[in-house]
Amino acid sequence: MKKRGNDGMMYVSQADKNGVYKWTVTKNKATLKNKTTKAAKATSKDIQMLAKKYMVSPSGSNKELAHRLVELRGASVTNKKDKGIIEQFLKTSTPSTKRWGFVPA
């Protein structure tokens, strides 16, 4: 049987040589830390996919495409993942980026 002690460590009930059960500290770690995942870098394929999704011309550089998406379809981009991809390609803040809540990286 395992239990967590007041000190935060895990204890297990084990019998000693005489058959008396005692609480002993377990060898494995008591607390597991949540792994944080870093957002993956957006690629040009991602921004091209957004251009197709929001029906914007995919011509020009990735930076120009990100600005075009914000200017023309900024109000309709509500998905957090899509906003994150666009924000990675934005370099400067403009009135349209501020209006639609985009924060340049």
PDB file of N, CA and C in Angstrom:
ATOM      1  N   MET A   1       0.844  -1.164   0.000  1.00  0.00           N
ATOM      2  CA  MET A   1       0.000   0.000   0.000  1.00  0.00           C
ATOM      3  C   MET A   1       0.901   1.241   0.000  1.00  0.00           C
ATOM      4  N   LYS A   2       0.532   2.241  -0.816  1.00  0.00           N
ATOM      5  CA  LYS A   2       1.297   3.474  -0.900  1.00  0.00           C
ATOM      6  C   LYS A   2       0.472   4.624  -0.344  1.00  0.00           C
ATOM      7  N   LYS A   3       1.151   5.548   0.304  1.00  0.00           N
ATOM      8  CA  LYS A   3       0.500   6.752   0.827  1.00  0.00           C
ATOM      9  C   LYS A   3       1.485   7.908   0.724  1.00  0.00           C
ATOM     10  N   ARG A   4       0.928   9.099   0.624  1.00  0.00           N
ATOM     11  CA  ARG A   4       1.752  10.303   0.601  1.00  0.00           C
ATOM     12  C   ARG A   4       1.807  10.860   2.020  1.00  0.00           C
ATOM     13  N   GLY A   5       3.011  11.151   2.491  1.00  0.00           N
ATOM     14  CA  GLY A   5       3.190  11.679   3.832  1.00  0.00           C
ATOM     15  C   GLY A   5       2.998  13.179   3.888  1.00  0.00           C
ATOM     16  N   ASN A   6       3.005  13.734   5.093  1.00  0.00           N
ATOM     17  CA  ASN A   6       2.865  15.179   5.276  1.00  0.00           C
ATOM     18  C   ASN A   6       4.016  15.952   4.649  1.00  0.00           C
ATOM     19  N   ASP A   7       5.155  15.299   4.500  1.00  0.00           N
ATOM     20  CA  ASP A   7       6.317  15.940   3.896  1.00  0.00           C
ATOM     21  C   ASP A   7       6.287  15.895   2.371  1.00  0.00           C
ATOM     22  N   GLY A   8       5.256  15.265   1.800  1.00  0.00           N
ATOM     23  CA  GLY A   8       5.116  15.216   0.355  1.00  0.00           C
ATOM     24  C   GLY A   8       5.768  14.009  -0.292  1.00  0.00           C
ATOM     25  N   MET A   9       6.452  13.198   0.481  1.00  0.00           N
ATOM     26  CA  MET A   9       7.117  12.020  -0.074  1.00  0.00           C
ATOM     27  C   MET A   9       6.155  10.835  -0.042  1.00  0.00           C
ATOM     28  N   MET A  10       6.411   9.870  -0.929  1.00  0.00           N
ATOM     29  CA  MET A  10       5.577   8.674  -0.982  1.00  0.00           C
ATOM     30  C   MET A  10       6.171   7.593  -0.082  1.00  0.00           C
ATOM     31  N   TYR A  11       5.298   6.936   0.664  1.00  0.00           N
ATOM     32  CA  TYR A  11       5.708   5.871   1.560  1.00  0.00           C
ATOM     33  C   TYR A  11       4.982   4.592   1.184  1.00  0.00           C
ATOM     34  N   VAL A  12       5.639   3.462   1.404  1.00  0.00           N
ATOM     35  CA  VAL A  12       5.047   2.173   1.134  1.00  0.00           C
ATOM     36  C   VAL A  12       5.188   1.320   2.398  1.00  0.00           C
ATOM     37  N   SER A  13       4.174   0.520   2.687  1.00  0.00           N
ATOM     38  CA  SER A  13       4.181  -0.347   3.857  1.00  0.00           C
ATOM     39  C   SER A  13       4.875  -1.655   3.473  1.00  0.00           C
ATOM     40  N   GLN A  14       6.010  -1.947   4.139  1.00  0.00           N
ATOM     41  CA  GLN A  14       6.772  -3.151   3.831  1.00  0.00           C
ATOM     42  C   GLN A  14       7.080  -3.909   5.121  1.00  0.00           C
ATOM     43  N   ALA A  15       7.120  -5.229   4.993  1.00  0.00           N
ATOM     44  CA  ALA A  15       7.443  -6.068   6.154  1.00  0.00           C
ATOM     45  C   ALA A  15       8.951  -6.144   6.325  1.00  0.00           C
ATOM     46  N   ASP A  16       9.398  -6.108   7.590  1.00  0.00           N
ATOM     47  CA  ASP A  16      10.830  -6.292   7.847  1.00  0.00           C
ATOM     48  C   ASP A  16      11.109  -7.781   8.076  1.00  0.00           C
ATOM     49  N   LYS A  17      12.301  -8.139   8.571  1.00  0.00           N
ATOM     50  CA  LYS A  17      12.668  -9.549   8.709  1.00  0.00           C
ATOM     51  C   LYS A  17      11.827 -10.307   9.738  1.00  0.00           C
ATOM     52  N   ASN A  18      11.207  -9.574  10.665  1.00  0.00           N
ATOM     53  CA  ASN A  18      10.379 -10.208  11.685  1.00  0.00           C
ATOM     54  C   ASN A  18       8.893 -10.244  11.297  1.00  0.00           C
ATOM     55  N   GLY A  19       8.546  -9.716  10.131  1.00  0.00           N
ATOM     56  CA  GLY A  19       7.159  -9.713   9.680  1.00  0.00           C
ATOM     57  C   GLY A  19       6.361  -8.519  10.154  1.00  0.00           C
ATOM     58  N   VAL A  20       7.025  -7.542  10.743  1.00  0.00           N
ATOM     59  CA  VAL A  20       6.355  -6.331  11.210  1.00  0.00           C
ATOM     60  C   VAL A  20       6.359  -5.325  10.063  1.00  0.00           C
ATOM     61  N   TYR A  21       5.174  -4.787   9.758  1.00  0.00           N
ATOM     62  CA  TYR A  21       5.062  -3.825   8.665  1.00  0.00           C
ATOM     63  C   TYR A  21       5.426  -2.428   9.143  1.00  0.00           C
ATOM     64  N   LYS A  22       6.252  -1.769   8.357  1.00  0.00           N
ATOM     65  CA  LYS A  22       6.683  -0.403   8.677  1.00  0.00           C
ATOM     66  C   LYS A  22       6.591   0.446   7.412  1.00  0.00           C
ATOM     67  N   TRP A  23       6.425   1.733   7.613  1.00  0.00           N
ATOM     68  CA  TRP A  23       6.380   2.667   6.481  1.00  0.00           C
ATOM     69  C   TRP A  23       7.800   3.023   6.076  1.00  0.00           C
ATOM     70  N   THR A  24       8.126   2.806   4.803  1.00  0.00           N
ATOM     71  CA  THR A  24       9.445   3.163   4.284  1.00  0.00           C
ATOM     72  C   THR A  24       9.267   4.060   3.064  1.00  0.00           C
ATOM     73  N   VAL A  25      10.230   4.919   2.865  1.00  0.00           N
ATOM     74  CA  VAL A  25      10.190   5.854   1.747  1.00  0.00           C
ATOM     75  C   VAL A  25      10.428   5.082   0.448  1.00  0.00           C
ATOM     76  N   THR A  26       9.645   5.391  -0.575  1.00  0.00           N
ATOM     77  CA  THR A  26       9.844   4.727  -1.856  1.00  0.00           C
ATOM     78  C   THR A  26      11.013   5.357  -2.595  1.00  0.00           C
ATOM     79  N   LYS A  27      11.590   4.621  -3.505  1.00  0.00           N
ATOM     80  CA  LYS A  27      12.771   5.075  -4.240  1.00  0.00           C
ATOM     81  C   LYS A  27      12.422   6.057  -5.356  1.00  0.00           C
ATOM     82  N   ASN A  28      11.212   5.891  -5.958  1.00  0.00           N
ATOM     83  CA  ASN A  28      10.870   6.765  -7.087  1.00  0.00           C
ATOM     84  C   ASN A  28      10.457   8.144  -6.591  1.00  0.00           C
ATOM     85  N   LYS A  29      10.407   9.096  -7.490  1.00  0.00           N
ATOM     86  CA  LYS A  29      10.082  10.466  -7.134  1.00  0.00           C
ATOM     87  C   LYS A  29       8.629  10.572  -6.720  1.00  0.00           C
ATOM     88  N   ALA A  30       8.364  11.412  -5.734  1.00  0.00           N
ATOM     89  CA  ALA A  30       7.020  11.539  -5.184  1.00  0.00           C
ATOM     90  C   ALA A  30       6.125  12.392  -6.070  1.00  0.00           C
ATOM     91  N   THR A  31       6.662  13.452  -6.587  1.00  0.00           N
ATOM     92  CA  THR A  31       5.826  14.356  -7.361  1.00  0.00           C
ATOM     93  C   THR A  31       6.254  14.325  -8.819  1.00  0.00           C
ATOM     94  N   LEU A  32       5.290  14.323  -9.672  1.00  0.00           N
ATOM     95  CA  LEU A  32       5.556  14.390 -11.100  1.00  0.00           C
ATOM     96  C   LEU A  32       5.251  15.800 -11.571  1.00  0.00           C
ATOM     97  N   LYS A  33       6.168  16.371 -12.281  1.00  0.00           N
ATOM     98  CA  LYS A  33       5.959  17.711 -12.797  1.00  0.00           C
ATOM     99  C   LYS A  33       5.328  17.630 -14.169  1.00  0.00           C
ATOM    100  N   ASN A  34       4.425  18.545 -14.428  1.00  0.00           N
ATOM    101  CA  ASN A  34       3.800  18.599 -15.745  1.00  0.00           C
ATOM    102  C   ASN A  34       4.816  19.097 -16.752  1.00  0.00           C
ATOM    103  N   LYS A  35       4.865  18.427 -17.874  1.00  0.00           N
ATOM    104  CA  LYS A  35       5.777  18.853 -18.925  1.00  0.00           C
ATOM    105  C   LYS A  35       5.104  19.968 -19.715  1.00  0.00           C
ATOM    106  N   THR A  36       5.805  21.052 -19.873  1.00  0.00           N
ATOM    107  CA  THR A  36       5.272  22.138 -20.673  1.00  0.00           C
ATOM    108  C   THR A  36       5.748  21.959 -22.101  1.00  0.00           C
ATOM    109  N   THR A  37       4.845  22.144 -23.014  1.00  0.00           N
ATOM    110  CA  THR A  37       5.199  21.998 -24.411  1.00  0.00           C
ATOM    111  C   THR A  37       5.363  23.377 -25.020  1.00  0.00           C
ATOM    112  N   LYS A  38       6.405  23.519 -25.770  1.00  0.00           N
ATOM    113  CA  LYS A  38       6.636  24.783 -26.447  1.00  0.00           C
ATOM    114  C   LYS A  38       5.861  24.786 -27.758  1.00  0.00           C
ATOM    115  N   ALA A  39       5.376  25.949 -28.094  1.00  0.00           N
ATOM    116  CA  ALA A  39       4.645  26.072 -29.348  1.00  0.00           C
ATOM    117  C   ALA A  39       5.624  25.854 -30.501  1.00  0.00           C
ATOM    118  N   ALA A  40       5.229  25.064 -31.444  1.00  0.00           N
ATOM    119  CA  ALA A  40       6.078  24.790 -32.586  1.00  0.00           C
ATOM    120  C   ALA A  40       6.177  26.031 -33.469  1.00  0.00           C
ATOM    121  N   LYS A  41       7.328  26.196 -34.070  1.00  0.00           N
ATOM    122  CA  LYS A  41       7.502  27.321 -34.986  1.00  0.00           C
ATOM    123  C   LYS A  41       6.609  27.142 -36.188  1.00  0.00           C
ATOM    124  N   ALA A  42       5.973  28.205 -36.585  1.00  0.00           N
ATOM    125  CA  ALA A  42       5.100  28.158 -37.752  1.00  0.00           C
ATOM    126  C   ALA A  42       5.956  28.129 -39.017  1.00  0.00           C
ATOM    127  N   THR A  43       5.531  27.366 -39.988  1.00  0.00           N
ATOM    128  CA  THR A  43       6.250  27.270 -41.250  1.00  0.00           C
ATOM    129  C   THR A  43       5.475  28.009 -42.327  1.00  0.00           C
ATOM    130  N   SER A  44       6.088  28.115 -43.482  1.00  0.00           N
ATOM    131  CA  SER A  44       5.414  28.792 -44.591  1.00  0.00           C
ATOM    132  C   SER A  44       4.194  27.992 -45.039  1.00  0.00           C
ATOM    133  N   LYS A  45       4.229  26.664 -44.865  1.00  0.00           N
ATOM    134  CA  LYS A  45       3.064  25.850 -45.211  1.00  0.00           C
ATOM    135  C   LYS A  45       1.878  26.200 -44.325  1.00  0.00           C
ATOM    136  N   ASP A  46       2.150  26.502 -43.059  1.00  0.00           N
ATOM    137  CA  ASP A  46       1.075  26.857 -42.132  1.00  0.00           C
ATOM    138  C   ASP A  46       0.400  28.161 -42.551  1.00  0.00           C
ATOM    139  N   ILE A  47       1.191  29.156 -42.898  1.00  0.00           N
ATOM    140  CA  ILE A  47       0.605  30.450 -43.282  1.00  0.00           C
ATOM    141  C   ILE A  47      -0.098  30.341 -44.629  1.00  0.00           C
ATOM    142  N   GLN A  48       0.418  29.491 -45.527  1.00  0.00           N
ATOM    143  CA  GLN A  48      -0.243  29.266 -46.812  1.00  0.00           C
ATOM    144  C   GLN A  48      -1.592  28.575 -46.599  1.00  0.00           C
ATOM    145  N   MET A  49      -1.626  27.635 -45.655  1.00  0.00           N
ATOM    146  CA  MET A  49      -2.870  26.940 -45.335  1.00  0.00           C
ATOM    147  C   MET A  49      -3.910  27.924 -44.794  1.00  0.00           C
ATOM    148  N   LEU A  50      -3.461  28.872 -43.960  1.00  0.00           N
ATOM    149  CA  LEU A  50      -4.390  29.878 -43.429  1.00  0.00           C
ATOM    150  C   LEU A  50      -4.901  30.794 -44.537  1.00  0.00           C
ATOM    151  N   ALA A  51      -4.037  31.102 -45.495  1.00  0.00           N
ATOM    152  CA  ALA A  51      -4.467  31.939 -46.620  1.00  0.00           C
ATOM    153  C   ALA A  51      -5.572  31.240 -47.396  1.00  0.00           C
ATOM    154  N   LYS A  52      -5.407  29.955 -47.598  1.00  0.00           N
ATOM    155  CA  LYS A  52      -6.429  29.189 -48.312  1.00  0.00           C
ATOM    156  C   LYS A  52      -7.709  29.092 -47.481  1.00  0.00           C
ATOM    157  N   LYS A  53      -7.556  28.874 -46.167  1.00  0.00           N
ATOM    158  CA  LYS A  53      -8.705  28.729 -45.274  1.00  0.00           C
ATOM    159  C   LYS A  53      -9.536  30.009 -45.219  1.00  0.00           C
ATOM    160  N   TYR A  54      -8.870  31.165 -45.143  1.00  0.00           N
ATOM    161  CA  TYR A  54      -9.571  32.438 -45.027  1.00  0.00           C
ATOM    162  C   TYR A  54      -9.738  33.148 -46.367  1.00  0.00           C
ATOM    163  N   MET A  55      -9.464  32.436 -47.462  1.00  0.00           N
ATOM    164  CA  MET A  55      -9.661  32.927 -48.828  1.00  0.00           C
ATOM    165  C   MET A  55      -8.969  34.268 -49.084  1.00  0.00           C
ATOM    166  N   VAL A  56      -7.655  34.260 -48.860  1.00  0.00           N
ATOM    167  CA  VAL A  56      -6.814  35.425 -49.107  1.00  0.00           C
ATOM    168  C   VAL A  56      -5.756  35.001 -50.104  1.00  0.00           C
ATOM    169  N   SER A  57      -5.326  35.918 -50.966  1.00  0.00           N
ATOM    170  CA  SER A  57      -4.314  35.611 -51.967  1.00  0.00           C
ATOM    171  C   SER A  57      -3.013  35.175 -51.286  1.00  0.00           C
ATOM    172  N   PRO A  58      -2.461  34.008 -51.657  1.00  0.00           N
ATOM    173  CA  PRO A  58      -1.243  33.519 -51.009  1.00  0.00           C
ATOM    174  C   PRO A  58       0.050  34.073 -51.590  1.00  0.00           C
ATOM    175  N   SER A  59      -0.014  35.088 -52.424  1.00  0.00           N
ATOM    176  CA  SER A  59       1.205  35.619 -53.039  1.00  0.00           C
ATOM    177  C   SER A  59       1.944  36.523 -52.062  1.00  0.00           C
ATOM    178  N   GLY A  60       3.240  36.670 -52.277  1.00  0.00           N
ATOM    179  CA  GLY A  60       4.058  37.537 -51.446  1.00  0.00           C
ATOM    180  C   GLY A  60       4.794  36.748 -50.380  1.00  0.00           C
ATOM    181  N   SER A  61       5.539  37.474 -49.559  1.00  0.00           N
ATOM    182  CA  SER A  61       6.310  36.831 -48.493  1.00  0.00           C
ATOM    183  C   SER A  61       5.381  36.430 -47.346  1.00  0.00           C
ATOM    184  N   ASN A  62       5.912  35.655 -46.442  1.00  0.00           N
ATOM    185  CA  ASN A  62       5.119  35.226 -45.293  1.00  0.00           C
ATOM    186  C   ASN A  62       4.690  36.411 -44.433  1.00  0.00           C
ATOM    187  N   LYS A  63       5.590  37.381 -44.305  1.00  0.00           N
ATOM    188  CA  LYS A  63       5.289  38.579 -43.531  1.00  0.00           C
ATOM    189  C   LYS A  63       4.147  39.367 -44.178  1.00  0.00           C
ATOM    190  N   GLU A  64       4.215  39.528 -45.500  1.00  0.00           N
ATOM    191  CA  GLU A  64       3.156  40.236 -46.215  1.00  0.00           C
ATOM    192  C   GLU A  64       1.837  39.481 -46.124  1.00  0.00           C
ATOM    193  N   LEU A  65       1.907  38.179 -46.194  1.00  0.00           N
ATOM    194  CA  LEU A  65       0.705  37.350 -46.113  1.00  0.00           C
ATOM    195  C   LEU A  65       0.056  37.472 -44.735  1.00  0.00           C
ATOM    196  N   ALA A  66       0.887  37.511 -43.692  1.00  0.00           N
ATOM    197  CA  ALA A  66       0.350  37.656 -42.337  1.00  0.00           C
ATOM    198  C   ALA A  66      -0.360  39.005 -42.195  1.00  0.00           C
ATOM    199  N   HIS A  67       0.240  40.065 -42.716  1.00  0.00           N
ATOM    200  CA  HIS A  67      -0.405  41.390 -42.656  1.00  0.00           C
ATOM    201  C   HIS A  67      -1.690  41.409 -43.472  1.00  0.00           C
ATOM    202  N   ARG A  68      -1.691  40.742 -44.618  1.00  0.00           N
ATOM    203  CA  ARG A  68      -2.893  40.685 -45.447  1.00  0.00           C
ATOM    204  C   ARG A  68      -4.015  39.943 -44.720  1.00  0.00           C
ATOM    205  N   LEU A  69      -3.675  38.859 -44.050  1.00  0.00           N
ATOM    206  CA  LEU A  69      -4.684  38.109 -43.290  1.00  0.00           C
ATOM    207  C   LEU A  69      -5.293  38.971 -42.189  1.00  0.00           C
ATOM    208  N   VAL A  70      -4.458  39.746 -41.503  1.00  0.00           N
ATOM    209  CA  VAL A  70      -4.966  40.596 -40.420  1.00  0.00           C
ATOM    210  C   VAL A  70      -5.830  41.716 -40.984  1.00  0.00           C
ATOM    211  N   GLU A  71      -5.377  42.353 -42.055  1.00  0.00           N
ATOM    212  CA  GLU A  71      -6.112  43.492 -42.604  1.00  0.00           C
ATOM    213  C   GLU A  71      -7.451  43.086 -43.199  1.00  0.00           C
ATOM    214  N   LEU A  72      -7.473  41.960 -43.940  1.00  0.00           N
ATOM    215  CA  LEU A  72      -8.694  41.574 -44.636  1.00  0.00           C
ATOM    216  C   LEU A  72      -9.607  40.673 -43.811  1.00  0.00           C
ATOM    217  N   ARG A  73      -9.035  39.762 -43.040  1.00  0.00           N
ATOM    218  CA  ARG A  73      -9.848  38.779 -42.326  1.00  0.00           C
ATOM    219  C   ARG A  73      -9.580  38.771 -40.819  1.00  0.00           C
ATOM    220  N   GLY A  74      -9.075  39.859 -40.281  1.00  0.00           N
ATOM    221  CA  GLY A  74      -8.734  39.918 -38.857  1.00  0.00           C
ATOM    222  C   GLY A  74      -9.907  39.623 -37.942  1.00  0.00           C
ATOM    223  N   ALA A  75     -11.089  40.092 -38.316  1.00  0.00           N
ATOM    224  CA  ALA A  75     -12.264  39.887 -37.466  1.00  0.00           C
ATOM    225  C   ALA A  75     -12.717  38.439 -37.457  1.00  0.00           C
ATOM    226  N   SER A  76     -12.501  37.726 -38.546  1.00  0.00           N
ATOM    227  CA  SER A  76     -12.993  36.356 -38.630  1.00  0.00           C
ATOM    228  C   SER A  76     -12.000  35.334 -38.092  1.00  0.00           C
ATOM    229  N   VAL A  77     -10.764  35.739 -37.773  1.00  0.00           N
ATOM    230  CA  VAL A  77      -9.772  34.820 -37.211  1.00  0.00           C
ATOM    231  C   VAL A  77      -9.979  34.784 -35.699  1.00  0.00           C
ATOM    232  N   THR A  78     -10.662  33.745 -35.224  1.00  0.00           N
ATOM    233  CA  THR A  78     -10.942  33.645 -33.791  1.00  0.00           C
ATOM    234  C   THR A  78     -10.240  32.458 -33.157  1.00  0.00           C
ATOM    235  N   ASN A  79      -9.741  31.538 -33.958  1.00  0.00           N
ATOM    236  CA  ASN A  79      -9.057  30.355 -33.448  1.00  0.00           C
ATOM    237  C   ASN A  79      -7.701  30.767 -32.868  1.00  0.00           C
ATOM    238  N   LYS A  80      -7.407  30.354 -31.628  1.00  0.00           N
ATOM    239  CA  LYS A  80      -6.153  30.736 -30.975  1.00  0.00           C
ATOM    240  C   LYS A  80      -4.930  30.213 -31.713  1.00  0.00           C
ATOM    241  N   LYS A  81      -5.036  29.001 -32.248  1.00  0.00           N
ATOM    242  CA  LYS A  81      -3.902  28.417 -32.968  1.00  0.00           C
ATOM    243  C   LYS A  81      -3.613  29.225 -34.232  1.00  0.00           C
ATOM    244  N   ASP A  82      -4.674  29.607 -34.949  1.00  0.00           N
ATOM    245  CA  ASP A  82      -4.494  30.414 -36.158  1.00  0.00           C
ATOM    246  C   ASP A  82      -3.882  31.771 -35.812  1.00  0.00           C
ATOM    247  N   LYS A  83      -4.355  32.389 -34.723  1.00  0.00           N
ATOM    248  CA  LYS A  83      -3.810  33.682 -34.313  1.00  0.00           C
ATOM    249  C   LYS A  83      -2.327  33.551 -33.962  1.00  0.00           C
ATOM    250  N   GLY A  84      -1.971  32.456 -33.297  1.00  0.00           N
ATOM    251  CA  GLY A  84      -0.576  32.241 -32.922  1.00  0.00           C
ATOM    252  C   GLY A  84       0.323  32.113 -34.134  1.00  0.00           C
ATOM    253  N   ILE A  85      -0.166  31.416 -35.166  1.00  0.00           N
ATOM    254  CA  ILE A  85       0.626  31.263 -36.391  1.00  0.00           C
ATOM    255  C   ILE A  85       0.830  32.616 -37.063  1.00  0.00           C
ATOM    256  N   ILE A  86      -0.224  33.394 -37.141  1.00  0.00           N
ATOM    257  CA  ILE A  86      -0.125  34.711 -37.787  1.00  0.00           C
ATOM    258  C   ILE A  86       0.800  35.624 -36.989  1.00  0.00           C
ATOM    259  N   GLU A  87       0.680  35.597 -35.655  1.00  0.00           N
ATOM    260  CA  GLU A  87       1.500  36.477 -34.821  1.00  0.00           C
ATOM    261  C   GLU A  87       2.986  36.183 -34.942  1.00  0.00           C
ATOM    262  N   GLN A  88       3.349  34.936 -35.250  1.00  0.00           N
ATOM    263  CA  GLN A  88       4.766  34.607 -35.406  1.00  0.00           C
ATOM    264  C   GLN A  88       5.379  35.292 -36.615  1.00  0.00           C
ATOM    265  N   PHE A  89       4.562  35.590 -37.625  1.00  0.00           N
ATOM    266  CA  PHE A  89       5.084  36.226 -38.831  1.00  0.00           C
ATOM    267  C   PHE A  89       4.956  37.747 -38.796  1.00  0.00           C
ATOM    268  N   LEU A  90       4.166  38.291 -37.883  1.00  0.00           N
ATOM    269  CA  LEU A  90       4.045  39.743 -37.774  1.00  0.00           C
ATOM    270  C   LEU A  90       5.275  40.300 -37.065  1.00  0.00           C
ATOM    271  N   LYS A  91       5.823  41.384 -37.597  1.00  0.00           N
ATOM    272  CA  LYS A  91       7.006  41.989 -36.990  1.00  0.00           C
ATOM    273  C   LYS A  91       6.689  43.326 -36.333  1.00  0.00           C
ATOM    274  N   THR A  92       5.788  44.092 -36.917  1.00  0.00           N
ATOM    275  CA  THR A  92       5.467  45.405 -36.384  1.00  0.00           C
ATOM    276  C   THR A  92       3.979  45.491 -36.069  1.00  0.00           C
ATOM    277  N   SER A  93       3.673  46.383 -35.169  1.00  0.00           N
ATOM    278  CA  SER A  93       2.279  46.594 -34.791  1.00  0.00           C
ATOM    279  C   SER A  93       1.686  47.691 -35.662  1.00  0.00           C
ATOM    280  N   THR A  94       0.499  47.455 -36.182  1.00  0.00           N
ATOM    281  CA  THR A  94      -0.208  48.438 -36.998  1.00  0.00           C
ATOM    282  C   THR A  94      -1.576  48.668 -36.377  1.00  0.00           C
ATOM    283  N   PRO A  95      -2.299  49.692 -36.825  1.00  0.00           N
ATOM    284  CA  PRO A  95      -3.639  49.909 -36.270  1.00  0.00           C
ATOM    285  C   PRO A  95      -4.565  48.703 -36.438  1.00  0.00           C
ATOM    286  N   SER A  96      -4.443  47.981 -37.559  1.00  0.00           N
ATOM    287  CA  SER A  96      -5.316  46.827 -37.759  1.00  0.00           C
ATOM    288  C   SER A  96      -4.944  45.663 -36.834  1.00  0.00           C
ATOM    289  N   THR A  97      -3.639  45.502 -36.538  1.00  0.00           N
ATOM    290  CA  THR A  97      -3.265  44.429 -35.622  1.00  0.00           C
ATOM    291  C   THR A  97      -3.766  44.726 -34.216  1.00  0.00           C
ATOM    292  N   LYS A  98      -3.719  45.978 -33.818  1.00  0.00           N
ATOM    293  CA  LYS A  98      -4.221  46.359 -32.497  1.00  0.00           C
ATOM    294  C   LYS A  98      -5.741  46.208 -32.428  1.00  0.00           C
ATOM    295  N   ARG A  99      -6.427  46.579 -33.513  1.00  0.00           N
ATOM    296  CA  ARG A  99      -7.885  46.530 -33.533  1.00  0.00           C
ATOM    297  C   ARG A  99      -8.396  45.108 -33.381  1.00  0.00           C
ATOM    298  N   TRP A 100      -7.753  44.128 -34.022  1.00  0.00           N
ATOM    299  CA  TRP A 100      -8.222  42.754 -33.990  1.00  0.00           C
ATOM    300  C   TRP A 100      -7.535  41.901 -32.925  1.00  0.00           C
ATOM    301  N   GLY A 101      -6.682  42.506 -32.086  1.00  0.00           N
ATOM    302  CA  GLY A 101      -6.085  41.795 -30.960  1.00  0.00           C
ATOM    303  C   GLY A 101      -4.902  40.916 -31.292  1.00  0.00           C
ATOM    304  N   PHE A 102      -4.170  41.229 -32.342  1.00  0.00           N
ATOM    305  CA  PHE A 102      -2.969  40.467 -32.682  1.00  0.00           C
ATOM    306  C   PHE A 102      -1.761  41.146 -32.036  1.00  0.00           C
ATOM    307  N   VAL A 103      -0.900  40.345 -31.431  1.00  0.00           N
ATOM    308  CA  VAL A 103       0.312  40.859 -30.790  1.00  0.00           C
ATOM    309  C   VAL A 103       1.506  40.358 -31.582  1.00  0.00           C
ATOM    310  N   PRO A 104       2.233  41.242 -32.254  1.00  0.00           N
ATOM    311  CA  PRO A 104       3.398  40.805 -33.034  1.00  0.00           C
ATOM    312  C   PRO A 104       4.447  40.158 -32.146  1.00  0.00           C
ATOM    313  N   ALA A 105       5.095  39.139 -32.694  1.00  0.00           N
ATOM    314  CA  ALA A 105       6.136  38.419 -31.918  1.00  0.00           C
ATOM    315  C   ALA A 105       7.400  39.228 -31.843  1.00  0.00           C
TER     316      ALA A 105
END
